[in-house]
Amino acid sequence: MKKNNIVLNPEERKELEEFTKKGVHNVRLVNRAKIILALDTSDGREPTEKIEIADKLNISRQTIYDVIKDFINAKNIKEFLKRKKRNTPPVEPKITGDVEAKIIALACGKVPEGRARWTLRLLANKVVELQILNEVSYVSVGNLLKKRNLSLI
């Protein structure tokens, strides 16, 4: 018996086939179902070669191995066909509403001595100097001003 041999019962096979053909689903999840169907050896079926599956679905062979592992570890088909929850929360934005207001006020305020106007780098450095934020890139400051349709010119 081959390692990671996938044998589906008729109900599982039917559920996966319906998932690939009916409804609106995430393409990644549909591809997962197609991979398992292609590798199924129930009823004397010959599994499709992994390289053929990869070429047909335009995915890597490593993805196929990951899907096989996920399928084997899943409790049932429903769990297998669900998106995973994130292990880590998304990174909180540094520039919140309060910080945003301070940066905009700074940009609209008095220009530094010896300068004709604010630059993004000057603003970013001033934000750190005034300890509004520990660090901020001039790109982030530029994106903030662009989002608010503000210009330094």
Protein backbone atom coordinates (compact mmCIF):
# COMPACT_ATOMS: atom_id res chain seq x y z
CA MET A 1 0.00 0.00 0.00
CA LYS A 2 1.35 3.42 -0.97
CA LYS A 3 2.03 6.04 1.66
CA ASN A 4 -0.76 8.62 1.94
CA ASN A 5 -3.14 6.46 -0.08
CA ILE A 6 -6.50 8.26 -0.20
CA VAL A 7 -9.62 6.10 -0.19
CA LEU A 8 -12.93 7.96 -0.15
CA ASN A 9 -16.26 6.40 0.71
CA PRO A 10 -19.13 7.15 -1.72
CA GLU A 11 -20.60 9.88 0.51
CA GLU A 12 -17.27 11.70 0.81
CA ARG A 13 -16.65 11.45 -2.93
CA LYS A 14 -20.15 12.79 -3.69
CA GLU A 15 -19.70 15.66 -1.25
CA LEU A 16 -16.36 16.65 -2.81
CA GLU A 17 -17.74 16.40 -6.36
CA GLU A 18 -20.73 18.58 -5.47
CA PHE A 19 -18.44 21.08 -3.79
CA THR A 20 -16.41 21.44 -6.99
CA LYS A 21 -19.45 21.78 -9.25
CA LYS A 22 -22.16 23.57 -7.27
CA GLY A 23 -22.28 26.87 -5.47
CA VAL A 24 -19.80 29.68 -5.17
CA HIS A 25 -16.65 28.77 -3.26
CA ASN A 26 -13.13 30.01 -2.78
CA VAL A 27 -10.91 28.74 -5.65
CA ARG A 28 -8.31 27.48 -3.21
CA LEU A 29 -10.89 25.30 -1.46
CA VAL A 30 -12.24 24.00 -4.77
CA ASN A 31 -8.68 23.08 -5.79
CA ARG A 32 -8.25 21.22 -2.49
CA ALA A 33 -11.34 19.16 -3.26
CA LYS A 34 -10.14 18.50 -6.83
CA ILE A 35 -6.75 17.33 -5.55
CA ILE A 36 -8.32 14.78 -3.20
CA LEU A 37 -10.70 13.57 -5.92
CA ALA A 38 -7.78 13.11 -8.32
CA LEU A 39 -5.84 11.12 -5.72
CA ASP A 40 -8.78 8.93 -4.67
CA THR A 41 -8.14 5.20 -5.08
CA SER A 42 -11.58 3.92 -4.07
CA ASP A 43 -13.40 1.47 -6.37
CA GLY A 44 -10.14 0.50 -8.08
CA ARG A 45 -9.40 4.01 -9.39
CA GLU A 46 -5.84 4.84 -10.32
CA PRO A 47 -4.69 8.07 -8.69
CA THR A 48 -3.59 10.85 -11.01
CA GLU A 49 0.12 11.63 -10.89
CA LYS A 50 0.92 14.57 -8.64
CA ILE A 51 2.83 16.34 -11.40
CA GLU A 52 -0.25 16.12 -13.67
CA ILE A 53 -2.48 17.53 -10.94
CA ALA A 54 -0.01 20.36 -10.32
CA ASP A 55 0.12 21.23 -14.02
CA LYS A 56 -3.64 21.02 -14.49
CA LEU A 57 -4.47 23.20 -11.45
CA ASN A 58 -1.43 25.47 -11.89
CA ILE A 59 -0.15 24.79 -8.37
CA SER A 60 3.06 23.44 -6.90
CA ARG A 61 3.64 19.83 -5.91
CA GLN A 62 4.29 21.01 -2.37
CA THR A 63 0.73 22.34 -2.27
CA ILE A 64 -0.49 18.85 -3.12
CA TYR A 65 1.52 17.33 -0.27
CA ASP A 66 0.16 19.98 2.11
CA VAL A 67 -3.41 19.25 1.01
CA ILE A 68 -2.90 15.51 1.53
CA LYS A 69 -1.58 16.17 5.03
CA ASP A 70 -4.53 18.47 5.81
CA PHE A 71 -6.99 15.88 4.49
CA ILE A 72 -5.49 13.11 6.60
CA ASN A 73 -5.54 15.31 9.72
CA ALA A 74 -9.08 16.63 9.16
CA LYS A 75 -11.90 15.09 11.19
CA ASN A 76 -14.31 15.17 8.27
CA ILE A 77 -14.88 16.64 4.81
CA LYS A 78 -16.64 19.75 6.15
CA GLU A 79 -13.64 20.64 8.31
CA PHE A 80 -11.27 19.96 5.41
CA LEU A 81 -13.20 22.32 3.12
CA LYS A 82 -13.15 25.27 5.53
CA ARG A 83 -10.62 28.04 5.61
CA LYS A 84 -8.21 27.96 8.52
CA LYS A 85 -8.44 30.57 11.23
CA ARG A 86 -5.42 32.80 11.60
CA ASN A 87 -3.01 31.78 14.36
CA THR A 88 -1.83 35.33 14.85
CA PRO A 89 -3.97 38.43 14.77
CA PRO A 90 -3.34 40.97 12.02
CA VAL A 91 -0.78 43.63 12.84
CA GLU A 92 -2.41 46.64 14.43
CA PRO A 93 -1.87 49.85 12.47
CA LYS A 94 0.60 52.27 14.08
CA ILE A 95 -1.25 55.31 12.79
CA THR A 96 -4.61 55.40 14.55
CA GLY A 97 -7.13 58.24 14.50
CA ASP A 98 -5.45 60.15 17.35
CA VAL A 99 -1.98 59.85 15.83
CA GLU A 100 -3.40 60.69 12.40
CA ALA A 101 -4.87 63.93 13.72
CA LYS A 102 -1.54 64.93 15.28
CA ILE A 103 0.37 64.26 12.06
CA ILE A 104 -2.12 66.25 9.98
CA ALA A 105 -1.99 69.12 12.47
CA LEU A 106 1.80 69.05 12.31
CA ALA A 107 1.76 69.06 8.49
CA CYS A 108 -0.66 72.01 8.45
CA GLY A 109 1.29 73.87 11.14
CA LYS A 110 4.35 76.08 11.12
CA VAL A 111 7.18 75.01 8.81
CA PRO A 112 10.53 74.32 10.52
CA GLU A 113 13.08 77.16 10.72
CA GLY A 114 15.12 77.45 7.53
CA ARG A 115 12.70 75.41 5.44
CA ALA A 116 10.27 76.56 2.78
CA ARG A 117 7.89 73.63 3.37
CA TRP A 118 7.49 70.28 5.11
CA THR A 119 8.88 67.18 3.45
CA LEU A 120 7.67 63.68 4.22
CA ARG A 121 11.01 62.81 5.80
CA LEU A 122 10.93 65.95 7.96
CA LEU A 123 7.41 65.12 9.10
CA ALA A 124 8.32 61.51 9.91
CA ASN A 125 11.37 62.63 11.89
CA LYS A 126 9.33 65.27 13.76
CA VAL A 127 6.68 62.68 14.67
CA VAL A 128 9.41 60.52 16.26
CA GLU A 129 11.09 63.56 17.87
CA LEU A 130 7.81 64.64 19.49
CA GLN A 131 7.29 61.01 20.60
CA ILE A 132 3.96 60.76 18.84
CA LEU A 133 5.22 57.37 17.62
CA ASN A 134 8.40 55.42 18.40
CA GLU A 135 9.08 55.00 14.69
CA VAL A 136 7.31 55.78 11.44
CA SER A 137 8.42 55.77 7.83
CA TYR A 138 8.06 58.73 5.54
CA VAL A 139 6.12 56.42 3.21
CA SER A 140 3.48 55.85 5.90
CA VAL A 141 3.22 59.60 6.45
CA GLY A 142 2.86 60.10 2.69
CA ASN A 143 0.16 57.44 2.47
CA LEU A 144 -1.75 59.08 5.30
CA LEU A 145 -1.65 62.49 3.64
CA LYS A 146 -2.57 61.00 0.27
CA LYS A 147 -5.51 59.15 1.85
CA ARG A 148 -6.76 62.46 3.24
CA ASN A 149 -6.11 64.30 -0.06
CA LEU A 150 -3.54 66.57 1.58
CA SER A 151 -0.46 67.83 -0.16
CA LEU A 152 2.74 69.34 1.19
CA ILE A 153 3.07 71.70 -1.79
